[in-house]
């Protein structure tokens, strides 16, 4: 009998609607952070698969960087995590501040 029986296995729903387990997350040595990978890590933290601290340690992120990912998703969806989109948002916000 497997020791997995009787234990709950934690899963999260990823940005594409797929189920994520810890082993489905990007490798800890990921260097190329595309929007989907960032969103998977944020989804895993929000679902309780790992804590913010564990995610930051696993991926060598600062708390501020992780919070920026969360904020981008909250405000602009997964597309807000794309580097080109982030640059466009910053330009738009800067122009808005200058007009005010």
PDB file of N, CA and C in Angstrom:
ATOM      1  N   UNK A   1       0.844  -1.178   0.000  1.00  0.00           N
ATOM      2  CA  UNK A   1       0.000   0.000   0.000  1.00  0.00           C
ATOM      3  C   UNK A   1       0.891   1.243   0.000  1.00  0.00           C
ATOM      4  N   UNK A   2       0.588   2.187  -0.847  1.00  0.00           N
ATOM      5  CA  UNK A   2       1.416   3.382  -0.979  1.00  0.00           C
ATOM      6  C   UNK A   2       1.219   4.331   0.196  1.00  0.00           C
ATOM      7  N   UNK A   3       2.312   4.984   0.584  1.00  0.00           N
ATOM      8  CA  UNK A   3       2.207   5.962   1.666  1.00  0.00           C
ATOM      9  C   UNK A   3       1.494   7.227   1.207  1.00  0.00           C
ATOM     10  N   UNK A   4       1.284   7.368  -0.114  1.00  0.00           N
ATOM     11  CA  UNK A   4       0.554   8.524  -0.642  1.00  0.00           C
ATOM     12  C   UNK A   4      -0.936   8.426  -0.321  1.00  0.00           C
ATOM     13  N   UNK A   5      -1.429   7.214  -0.135  1.00  0.00           N
ATOM     14  CA  UNK A   5      -2.847   7.048   0.163  1.00  0.00           C
ATOM     15  C   UNK A   5      -3.144   7.642   1.528  1.00  0.00           C
ATOM     16  N   UNK A   6      -4.230   8.338   1.624  1.00  0.00           N
ATOM     17  CA  UNK A   6      -4.608   8.947   2.882  1.00  0.00           C
ATOM     18  C   UNK A   6      -4.020  10.337   3.082  1.00  0.00           C
ATOM     19  N   UNK A   7      -3.023  10.698   2.289  1.00  0.00           N
ATOM     20  CA  UNK A   7      -2.450  12.041   2.371  1.00  0.00           C
ATOM     21  C   UNK A   7      -3.032  12.877   1.248  1.00  0.00           C
ATOM     22  N   UNK A   8      -3.332  14.103   1.554  1.00  0.00           N
ATOM     23  CA  UNK A   8      -3.838  14.960   0.492  1.00  0.00           C
ATOM     24  C   UNK A   8      -2.665  15.487  -0.328  1.00  0.00           C
ATOM     25  N   UNK A   9      -2.858  15.538  -1.614  1.00  0.00           N
ATOM     26  CA  UNK A   9      -1.844  16.063  -2.513  1.00  0.00           C
ATOM     27  C   UNK A   9      -2.311  17.453  -2.926  1.00  0.00           C
ATOM     28  N   UNK A  10      -1.486  18.453  -2.639  1.00  0.00           N
ATOM     29  CA  UNK A  10      -1.861  19.825  -2.939  1.00  0.00           C
ATOM     30  C   UNK A  10      -1.671  20.118  -4.417  1.00  0.00           C
ATOM     31  N   UNK A  11      -2.659  20.796  -4.987  1.00  0.00           N
ATOM     32  CA  UNK A  11      -2.583  21.228  -6.378  1.00  0.00           C
ATOM     33  C   UNK A  11      -3.085  22.661  -6.462  1.00  0.00           C
ATOM     34  N   UNK A  12      -2.689  23.307  -7.524  1.00  0.00           N
ATOM     35  CA  UNK A  12      -3.162  24.665  -7.806  1.00  0.00           C
ATOM     36  C   UNK A  12      -3.634  24.684  -9.245  1.00  0.00           C
ATOM     37  N   UNK A  13      -4.468  25.642  -9.559  1.00  0.00           N
ATOM     38  CA  UNK A  13      -4.874  25.837 -10.944  1.00  0.00           C
ATOM     39  C   UNK A  13      -3.942  26.875 -11.535  1.00  0.00           C
ATOM     40  N   UNK A  14      -3.259  26.481 -12.602  1.00  0.00           N
ATOM     41  CA  UNK A  14      -2.293  27.368 -13.248  1.00  0.00           C
ATOM     42  C   UNK A  14      -2.959  28.426 -14.102  1.00  0.00           C
ATOM     43  N   UNK A  15      -2.173  29.306 -14.685  1.00  0.00           N
ATOM     44  CA  UNK A  15      -2.705  30.419 -15.475  1.00  0.00           C
ATOM     45  C   UNK A  15      -3.465  29.983 -16.722  1.00  0.00           C
ATOM     46  N   UNK A  16      -3.191  28.767 -17.207  1.00  0.00           N
ATOM     47  CA  UNK A  16      -3.891  28.256 -18.391  1.00  0.00           C
ATOM     48  C   UNK A  16      -5.010  27.295 -18.029  1.00  0.00           C
ATOM     49  N   UNK A  17      -5.342  27.219 -16.733  1.00  0.00           N
ATOM     50  CA  UNK A  17      -6.393  26.324 -16.277  1.00  0.00           C
ATOM     51  C   UNK A  17      -5.908  24.913 -15.991  1.00  0.00           C
ATOM     52  N   UNK A  18      -4.616  24.679 -16.164  1.00  0.00           N
ATOM     53  CA  UNK A  18      -4.047  23.360 -15.903  1.00  0.00           C
ATOM     54  C   UNK A  18      -3.778  23.188 -14.406  1.00  0.00           C
ATOM     55  N   UNK A  19      -3.785  21.940 -13.957  1.00  0.00           N
ATOM     56  CA  UNK A  19      -3.485  21.663 -12.556  1.00  0.00           C
ATOM     57  C   UNK A  19      -1.973  21.643 -12.368  1.00  0.00           C
ATOM     58  N   UNK A  20      -1.515  22.272 -11.299  1.00  0.00           N
ATOM     59  CA  UNK A  20      -0.087  22.350 -10.989  1.00  0.00           C
ATOM     60  C   UNK A  20       0.191  21.683  -9.654  1.00  0.00           C
ATOM     61  N   UNK A  21       1.235  20.879  -9.630  1.00  0.00           N
ATOM     62  CA  UNK A  21       1.777  20.338  -8.394  1.00  0.00           C
ATOM     63  C   UNK A  21       3.161  20.955  -8.241  1.00  0.00           C
ATOM     64  N   UNK A  22       3.763  20.820  -7.077  1.00  0.00           N
ATOM     65  CA  UNK A  22       5.102  21.378  -6.876  1.00  0.00           C
ATOM     66  C   UNK A  22       6.065  20.918  -7.957  1.00  0.00           C
ATOM     67  N   UNK A  23       5.982  19.650  -8.317  1.00  0.00           N
ATOM     68  CA  UNK A  23       6.901  19.126  -9.332  1.00  0.00           C
ATOM     69  C   UNK A  23       6.618  19.657 -10.737  1.00  0.00           C
ATOM     70  N   UNK A  24       5.474  20.306 -10.934  1.00  0.00           N
ATOM     71  CA  UNK A  24       5.144  20.890 -12.238  1.00  0.00           C
ATOM     72  C   UNK A  24       5.658  22.321 -12.377  1.00  0.00           C
ATOM     73  N   UNK A  25       6.098  22.907 -11.276  1.00  0.00           N
ATOM     74  CA  UNK A  25       6.570  24.296 -11.309  1.00  0.00           C
ATOM     75  C   UNK A  25       7.903  24.389 -12.040  1.00  0.00           C
ATOM     76  N   UNK A  26       8.260  25.588 -12.478  1.00  0.00           N
ATOM     77  CA  UNK A  26       9.548  25.747 -13.166  1.00  0.00           C
ATOM     78  C   UNK A  26      10.701  25.266 -12.280  1.00  0.00           C
ATOM     79  N   UNK A  27      11.780  24.784 -12.912  1.00  0.00           N
ATOM     80  CA  UNK A  27      12.942  24.355 -12.124  1.00  0.00           C
ATOM     81  C   UNK A  27      13.517  25.514 -11.320  1.00  0.00           C
ATOM     82  N   UNK A  28      14.146  25.194 -10.204  1.00  0.00           N
ATOM     83  CA  UNK A  28      14.688  26.230  -9.329  1.00  0.00           C
ATOM     84  C   UNK A  28      15.813  27.027  -9.988  1.00  0.00           C
ATOM     85  N   UNK A  29      16.431  26.467 -11.012  1.00  0.00           N
ATOM     86  CA  UNK A  29      17.526  27.181 -11.697  1.00  0.00           C
ATOM     87  C   UNK A  29      17.057  27.928 -12.947  1.00  0.00           C
ATOM     88  N   UNK A  30      15.758  28.201 -13.038  1.00  0.00           N
ATOM     89  CA  UNK A  30      15.207  28.914 -14.201  1.00  0.00           C
ATOM     90  C   UNK A  30      15.872  30.274 -14.342  1.00  0.00           C
ATOM     91  N   UNK A  31      16.307  30.593 -15.532  1.00  0.00           N
ATOM     92  CA  UNK A  31      16.939  31.881 -15.823  1.00  0.00           C
ATOM     93  C   UNK A  31      16.090  32.725 -16.763  1.00  0.00           C
ATOM     94  N   UNK A  32      15.313  32.081 -17.617  1.00  0.00           N
ATOM     95  CA  UNK A  32      14.471  32.803 -18.579  1.00  0.00           C
ATOM     96  C   UNK A  32      13.032  32.775 -18.060  1.00  0.00           C
ATOM     97  N   UNK A  33      12.607  33.908 -17.520  1.00  0.00           N
ATOM     98  CA  UNK A  33      11.297  33.992 -16.886  1.00  0.00           C
ATOM     99  C   UNK A  33      10.260  34.545 -17.849  1.00  0.00           C
ATOM    100  N   UNK A  34       9.572  33.671 -18.551  1.00  0.00           N
ATOM    101  CA  UNK A  34       8.472  34.088 -19.411  1.00  0.00           C
ATOM    102  C   UNK A  34       7.237  34.291 -18.534  1.00  0.00           C
ATOM    103  N   UNK A  35       6.263  34.996 -19.058  1.00  0.00           N
ATOM    104  CA  UNK A  35       5.063  35.333 -18.293  1.00  0.00           C
ATOM    105  C   UNK A  35       4.383  34.093 -17.711  1.00  0.00           C
ATOM    106  N   UNK A  36       4.276  33.029 -18.482  1.00  0.00           N
ATOM    107  CA  UNK A  36       3.599  31.818 -18.018  1.00  0.00           C
ATOM    108  C   UNK A  36       4.282  31.244 -16.785  1.00  0.00           C
ATOM    109  N   UNK A  37       5.609  31.184 -16.784  1.00  0.00           N
ATOM    110  CA  UNK A  37       6.334  30.630 -15.637  1.00  0.00           C
ATOM    111  C   UNK A  37       6.128  31.489 -14.390  1.00  0.00           C
ATOM    112  N   UNK A  38       6.190  32.794 -14.558  1.00  0.00           N
ATOM    113  CA  UNK A  38       5.954  33.686 -13.422  1.00  0.00           C
ATOM    114  C   UNK A  38       4.554  33.457 -12.865  1.00  0.00           C
ATOM    115  N   UNK A  39       3.578  33.366 -13.762  1.00  0.00           N
ATOM    116  CA  UNK A  39       2.189  33.182 -13.351  1.00  0.00           C
ATOM    117  C   UNK A  39       1.989  31.841 -12.648  1.00  0.00           C
ATOM    118  N   UNK A  40       2.717  30.809 -13.077  1.00  0.00           N
ATOM    119  CA  UNK A  40       2.618  29.512 -12.407  1.00  0.00           C
ATOM    120  C   UNK A  40       3.107  29.612 -10.960  1.00  0.00           C
ATOM    121  N   UNK A  41       4.195  30.316 -10.745  1.00  0.00           N
ATOM    122  CA  UNK A  41       4.734  30.467  -9.396  1.00  0.00           C
ATOM    123  C   UNK A  41       3.756  31.267  -8.529  1.00  0.00           C
ATOM    124  N   UNK A  42       3.211  32.352  -9.073  1.00  0.00           N
ATOM    125  CA  UNK A  42       2.239  33.155  -8.328  1.00  0.00           C
ATOM    126  C   UNK A  42       1.010  32.312  -7.996  1.00  0.00           C
ATOM    127  N   UNK A  43       0.513  31.544  -8.951  1.00  0.00           N
ATOM    128  CA  UNK A  43      -0.656  30.685  -8.710  1.00  0.00           C
ATOM    129  C   UNK A  43      -0.373  29.669  -7.613  1.00  0.00           C
ATOM    130  N   UNK A  44       0.819  29.099  -7.630  1.00  0.00           N
ATOM    131  CA  UNK A  44       1.186  28.103  -6.617  1.00  0.00           C
ATOM    132  C   UNK A  44       1.208  28.721  -5.225  1.00  0.00           C
ATOM    133  N   UNK A  45       1.733  29.930  -5.110  1.00  0.00           N
ATOM    134  CA  UNK A  45       1.763  30.611  -3.809  1.00  0.00           C
ATOM    135  C   UNK A  45       0.341  30.940  -3.366  1.00  0.00           C
ATOM    136  N   UNK A  46      -0.463  31.459  -4.269  1.00  0.00           N
ATOM    137  CA  UNK A  46      -1.832  31.829  -3.909  1.00  0.00           C
ATOM    138  C   UNK A  46      -2.667  30.628  -3.492  1.00  0.00           C
ATOM    139  N   UNK A  47      -2.354  29.447  -4.055  1.00  0.00           N
ATOM    140  CA  UNK A  47      -3.094  28.229  -3.708  1.00  0.00           C
ATOM    141  C   UNK A  47      -2.525  27.542  -2.473  1.00  0.00           C
ATOM    142  N   UNK A  48      -1.403  28.042  -1.957  1.00  0.00           N
ATOM    143  CA  UNK A  48      -0.821  27.460  -0.762  1.00  0.00           C
ATOM    144  C   UNK A  48       0.117  26.287  -1.013  1.00  0.00           C
ATOM    145  N   UNK A  49       0.529  26.084  -2.273  1.00  0.00           N
ATOM    146  CA  UNK A  49       1.483  25.014  -2.557  1.00  0.00           C
ATOM    147  C   UNK A  49       2.837  25.307  -1.936  1.00  0.00           C
ATOM    148  N   UNK A  50       3.195  26.578  -1.901  1.00  0.00           N
ATOM    149  CA  UNK A  50       4.412  27.002  -1.219  1.00  0.00           C
ATOM    150  C   UNK A  50       4.221  28.435  -0.754  1.00  0.00           C
ATOM    151  N   UNK A  51       4.967  28.822   0.242  1.00  0.00           N
ATOM    152  CA  UNK A  51       4.857  30.170   0.787  1.00  0.00           C
ATOM    153  C   UNK A  51       5.619  31.157  -0.096  1.00  0.00           C
ATOM    154  N   UNK A  52       5.368  32.438   0.109  1.00  0.00           N
ATOM    155  CA  UNK A  52       6.127  33.458  -0.614  1.00  0.00           C
ATOM    156  C   UNK A  52       7.611  33.301  -0.299  1.00  0.00           C
ATOM    157  N   UNK A  53       7.914  33.064   0.966  1.00  0.00           N
ATOM    158  CA  UNK A  53       9.309  32.909   1.367  1.00  0.00           C
ATOM    159  C   UNK A  53       9.957  31.725   0.657  1.00  0.00           C
ATOM    160  N   UNK A  54       9.233  30.603   0.590  1.00  0.00           N
ATOM    161  CA  UNK A  54       9.768  29.411  -0.079  1.00  0.00           C
ATOM    162  C   UNK A  54       9.954  29.661  -1.573  1.00  0.00           C
ATOM    163  N   UNK A  55       9.004  30.366  -2.188  1.00  0.00           N
ATOM    164  CA  UNK A  55       9.119  30.679  -3.621  1.00  0.00           C
ATOM    165  C   UNK A  55      10.322  31.580  -3.870  1.00  0.00           C
ATOM    166  N   UNK A  56      10.477  32.589  -3.023  1.00  0.00           N
ATOM    167  CA  UNK A  56      11.603  33.514  -3.193  1.00  0.00           C
ATOM    168  C   UNK A  56      12.931  32.790  -3.011  1.00  0.00           C
ATOM    169  N   UNK A  57      12.996  31.918  -2.038  1.00  0.00           N
ATOM    170  CA  UNK A  57      14.231  31.167  -1.812  1.00  0.00           C
ATOM    171  C   UNK A  57      14.481  30.197  -2.963  1.00  0.00           C
ATOM    172  N   UNK A  58      13.446  29.479  -3.376  1.00  0.00           N
ATOM    173  CA  UNK A  58      13.585  28.480  -4.446  1.00  0.00           C
ATOM    174  C   UNK A  58      14.046  29.110  -5.756  1.00  0.00           C
ATOM    175  N   UNK A  59      13.526  30.317  -6.057  1.00  0.00           N
ATOM    176  CA  UNK A  59      13.815  30.957  -7.348  1.00  0.00           C
ATOM    177  C   UNK A  59      14.760  32.150  -7.236  1.00  0.00           C
ATOM    178  N   UNK A  60      15.337  32.352  -6.061  1.00  0.00           N
ATOM    179  CA  UNK A  60      16.271  33.454  -5.842  1.00  0.00           C
ATOM    180  C   UNK A  60      15.646  34.798  -6.220  1.00  0.00           C
ATOM    181  N   UNK A  61      14.449  35.032  -5.705  1.00  0.00           N
ATOM    182  CA  UNK A  61      13.707  36.269  -5.957  1.00  0.00           C
ATOM    183  C   UNK A  61      13.688  37.116  -4.695  1.00  0.00           C
ATOM    184  N   UNK A  62      13.576  38.408  -4.872  1.00  0.00           N
ATOM    185  CA  UNK A  62      13.325  39.266  -3.721  1.00  0.00           C
ATOM    186  C   UNK A  62      11.819  39.269  -3.473  1.00  0.00           C
ATOM    187  N   UNK A  63      11.438  39.611  -2.265  1.00  0.00           N
ATOM    188  CA  UNK A  63      10.017  39.735  -1.962  1.00  0.00           C
ATOM    189  C   UNK A  63       9.355  40.792  -2.823  1.00  0.00           C
ATOM    190  N   UNK A  64      10.098  41.870  -3.105  1.00  0.00           N
ATOM    191  CA  UNK A  64       9.564  42.958  -3.942  1.00  0.00           C
ATOM    192  C   UNK A  64       9.311  42.482  -5.365  1.00  0.00           C
ATOM    193  N   UNK A  65      10.214  41.639  -5.885  1.00  0.00           N
ATOM    194  CA  UNK A  65      10.029  41.129  -7.242  1.00  0.00           C
ATOM    195  C   UNK A  65       8.793  40.239  -7.318  1.00  0.00           C
ATOM    196  N   UNK A  66       8.637  39.358  -6.322  1.00  0.00           N
ATOM    197  CA  UNK A  66       7.458  38.499  -6.312  1.00  0.00           C
ATOM    198  C   UNK A  66       6.190  39.342  -6.200  1.00  0.00           C
ATOM    199  N   UNK A  67       6.197  40.328  -5.324  1.00  0.00           N
ATOM    200  CA  UNK A  67       5.027  41.196  -5.166  1.00  0.00           C
ATOM    201  C   UNK A  67       4.713  41.939  -6.468  1.00  0.00           C
ATOM    202  N   UNK A  68       5.747  42.320  -7.211  1.00  0.00           N
ATOM    203  CA  UNK A  68       5.537  42.981  -8.504  1.00  0.00           C
ATOM    204  C   UNK A  68       4.841  42.037  -9.481  1.00  0.00           C
ATOM    205  N   UNK A  69       5.211  40.762  -9.458  1.00  0.00           N
ATOM    206  CA  UNK A  69       4.546  39.774 -10.315  1.00  0.00           C
ATOM    207  C   UNK A  69       3.075  39.666  -9.936  1.00  0.00           C
ATOM    208  N   UNK A  70       2.802  39.556  -8.639  1.00  0.00           N
ATOM    209  CA  UNK A  70       1.415  39.446  -8.177  1.00  0.00           C
ATOM    210  C   UNK A  70       0.606  40.678  -8.580  1.00  0.00           C
ATOM    211  N   UNK A  71       1.186  41.829  -8.381  1.00  0.00           N
ATOM    212  CA  UNK A  71       0.507  43.076  -8.707  1.00  0.00           C
ATOM    213  C   UNK A  71       0.227  43.184 -10.203  1.00  0.00           C
ATOM    214  N   UNK A  72       1.193  42.788 -11.027  1.00  0.00           N
ATOM    215  CA  UNK A  72       1.016  42.847 -12.483  1.00  0.00           C
ATOM    216  C   UNK A  72      -0.135  41.948 -12.918  1.00  0.00           C
ATOM    217  N   UNK A  73      -0.221  40.766 -12.330  1.00  0.00           N
ATOM    218  CA  UNK A  73      -1.316  39.847 -12.678  1.00  0.00           C
ATOM    219  C   UNK A  73      -2.645  40.422 -12.219  1.00  0.00           C
ATOM    220  N   UNK A  74      -2.673  40.960 -11.012  1.00  0.00           N
ATOM    221  CA  UNK A  74      -3.917  41.521 -10.468  1.00  0.00           C
ATOM    222  C   UNK A  74      -4.417  42.676 -11.330  1.00  0.00           C
ATOM    223  N   UNK A  75      -3.501  43.547 -11.760  1.00  0.00           N
ATOM    224  CA  UNK A  75      -3.899  44.740 -12.509  1.00  0.00           C
ATOM    225  C   UNK A  75      -4.098  44.501 -14.001  1.00  0.00           C
ATOM    226  N   UNK A  76      -3.267  43.618 -14.596  1.00  0.00           N
ATOM    227  CA  UNK A  76      -3.240  43.505 -16.054  1.00  0.00           C
ATOM    228  C   UNK A  76      -3.356  42.085 -16.582  1.00  0.00           C
ATOM    229  N   UNK A  77      -3.559  41.106 -15.693  1.00  0.00           N
ATOM    230  CA  UNK A  77      -3.605  39.713 -16.129  1.00  0.00           C
ATOM    231  C   UNK A  77      -2.203  39.197 -16.416  1.00  0.00           C
ATOM    232  N   UNK A  78      -2.132  37.970 -16.884  1.00  0.00           N
ATOM    233  CA  UNK A  78      -0.841  37.336 -17.149  1.00  0.00           C
ATOM    234  C   UNK A  78      -0.042  38.145 -18.170  1.00  0.00           C
ATOM    235  N   UNK A  79      -0.716  38.773 -19.114  1.00  0.00           N
ATOM    236  CA  UNK A  79      -0.030  39.595 -20.116  1.00  0.00           C
ATOM    237  C   UNK A  79       0.765  40.734 -19.507  1.00  0.00           C
ATOM    238  N   UNK A  80       0.370  41.164 -18.319  1.00  0.00           N
ATOM    239  CA  UNK A  80       1.093  42.231 -17.640  1.00  0.00           C
ATOM    240  C   UNK A  80       2.481  41.823 -17.181  1.00  0.00           C
ATOM    241  N   UNK A  81       2.769  40.517 -17.238  1.00  0.00           N
ATOM    242  CA  UNK A  81       4.079  40.014 -16.840  1.00  0.00           C
ATOM    243  C   UNK A  81       5.092  40.022 -17.990  1.00  0.00           C
ATOM    244  N   UNK A  82       4.613  40.252 -19.207  1.00  0.00           N
ATOM    245  CA  UNK A  82       5.537  40.286 -20.341  1.00  0.00           C
ATOM    246  C   UNK A  82       6.396  41.536 -20.251  1.00  0.00           C
ATOM    247  N   UNK A  83       7.675  41.396 -20.511  1.00  0.00           N
ATOM    248  CA  UNK A  83       8.614  42.518 -20.391  1.00  0.00           C
ATOM    249  C   UNK A  83       8.167  43.687 -21.249  1.00  0.00           C
ATOM    250  N   UNK A  84       7.755  43.428 -22.477  1.00  0.00           N
ATOM    251  CA  UNK A  84       7.334  44.536 -23.351  1.00  0.00           C
ATOM    252  C   UNK A  84       6.082  45.209 -22.804  1.00  0.00           C
ATOM    253  N   UNK A  85       5.197  44.437 -22.209  1.00  0.00           N
ATOM    254  CA  UNK A  85       3.983  45.003 -21.625  1.00  0.00           C
ATOM    255  C   UNK A  85       4.313  45.835 -20.393  1.00  0.00           C
ATOM    256  N   UNK A  86       5.243  45.348 -19.578  1.00  0.00           N
ATOM    257  CA  UNK A  86       5.662  46.090 -18.383  1.00  0.00           C
ATOM    258  C   UNK A  86       6.240  47.438 -18.789  1.00  0.00           C
ATOM    259  N   UNK A  87       7.069  47.436 -19.835  1.00  0.00           N
ATOM    260  CA  UNK A  87       7.661  48.687 -20.313  1.00  0.00           C
ATOM    261  C   UNK A  87       6.579  49.642 -20.813  1.00  0.00           C
ATOM    262  N   UNK A  88       5.594  49.130 -21.543  1.00  0.00           N
ATOM    263  CA  UNK A  88       4.509  49.969 -22.056  1.00  0.00           C
ATOM    264  C   UNK A  88       3.679  50.541 -20.909  1.00  0.00           C
ATOM    265  N   UNK A  89       3.412  49.742 -19.893  1.00  0.00           N
ATOM    266  CA  UNK A  89       2.638  50.201 -18.730  1.00  0.00           C
ATOM    267  C   UNK A  89       3.388  51.304 -18.001  1.00  0.00           C
ATOM    268  N   UNK A  90       4.703  51.114 -17.815  1.00  0.00           N
ATOM    269  CA  UNK A  90       5.507  52.140 -17.138  1.00  0.00           C
ATOM    270  C   UNK A  90       5.496  53.446 -17.923  1.00  0.00           C
ATOM    271  N   UNK A  91       5.631  53.360 -19.250  1.00  0.00           N
ATOM    272  CA  UNK A  91       5.592  54.575 -20.078  1.00  0.00           C
ATOM    273  C   UNK A  91       4.240  55.273 -19.960  1.00  0.00           C
ATOM    274  N   UNK A  92       3.167  54.483 -20.017  1.00  0.00           N
ATOM    275  CA  UNK A  92       1.817  55.045 -19.922  1.00  0.00           C
ATOM    276  C   UNK A  92       1.599  55.702 -18.567  1.00  0.00           C
ATOM    277  N   UNK A  93       2.040  55.037 -17.491  1.00  0.00           N
ATOM    278  CA  UNK A  93       1.890  55.610 -16.150  1.00  0.00           C
ATOM    279  C   UNK A  93       2.697  56.888 -15.998  1.00  0.00           C
ATOM    280  N   UNK A  94       3.910  56.898 -16.548  1.00  0.00           N
ATOM    281  CA  UNK A  94       4.766  58.095 -16.478  1.00  0.00           C
ATOM    282  C   UNK A  94       4.122  59.260 -17.220  1.00  0.00           C
ATOM    283  N   UNK A  95       3.578  58.996 -18.401  1.00  0.00           N
ATOM    284  CA  UNK A  95       2.906  60.053 -19.167  1.00  0.00           C
ATOM    285  C   UNK A  95       1.686  60.568 -18.415  1.00  0.00           C
ATOM    286  N   UNK A  96       0.956  59.665 -17.772  1.00  0.00           N
ATOM    287  CA  UNK A  96      -0.222  60.064 -17.003  1.00  0.00           C
ATOM    288  C   UNK A  96       0.185  60.975 -15.839  1.00  0.00           C
ATOM    289  N   UNK A  97       1.273  60.640 -15.169  1.00  0.00           N
ATOM    290  CA  UNK A  97       1.761  61.471 -14.050  1.00  0.00           C
ATOM    291  C   UNK A  97       2.198  62.859 -14.530  1.00  0.00           C
ATOM    292  N   UNK A  98       2.813  62.918 -15.677  1.00  0.00           N
ATOM    293  CA  UNK A  98       3.265  64.192 -16.216  1.00  0.00           C
ATOM    294  C   UNK A  98       2.099  65.107 -16.580  1.00  0.00           C
ATOM    295  N   UNK A  99       1.000  64.501 -17.037  1.00  0.00           N
ATOM    296  CA  UNK A  99      -0.190  65.305 -17.407  1.00  0.00           C
ATOM    297  C   UNK A  99      -0.941  65.824 -16.193  1.00  0.00           C
ATOM    298  N   UNK A 100      -0.827  65.102 -15.101  1.00  0.00           N
ATOM    299  CA  UNK A 100      -1.607  65.448 -13.901  1.00  0.00           C
ATOM    300  C   UNK A 100      -1.075  66.669 -13.195  1.00  0.00           C
TER     301      UNK A 100
END
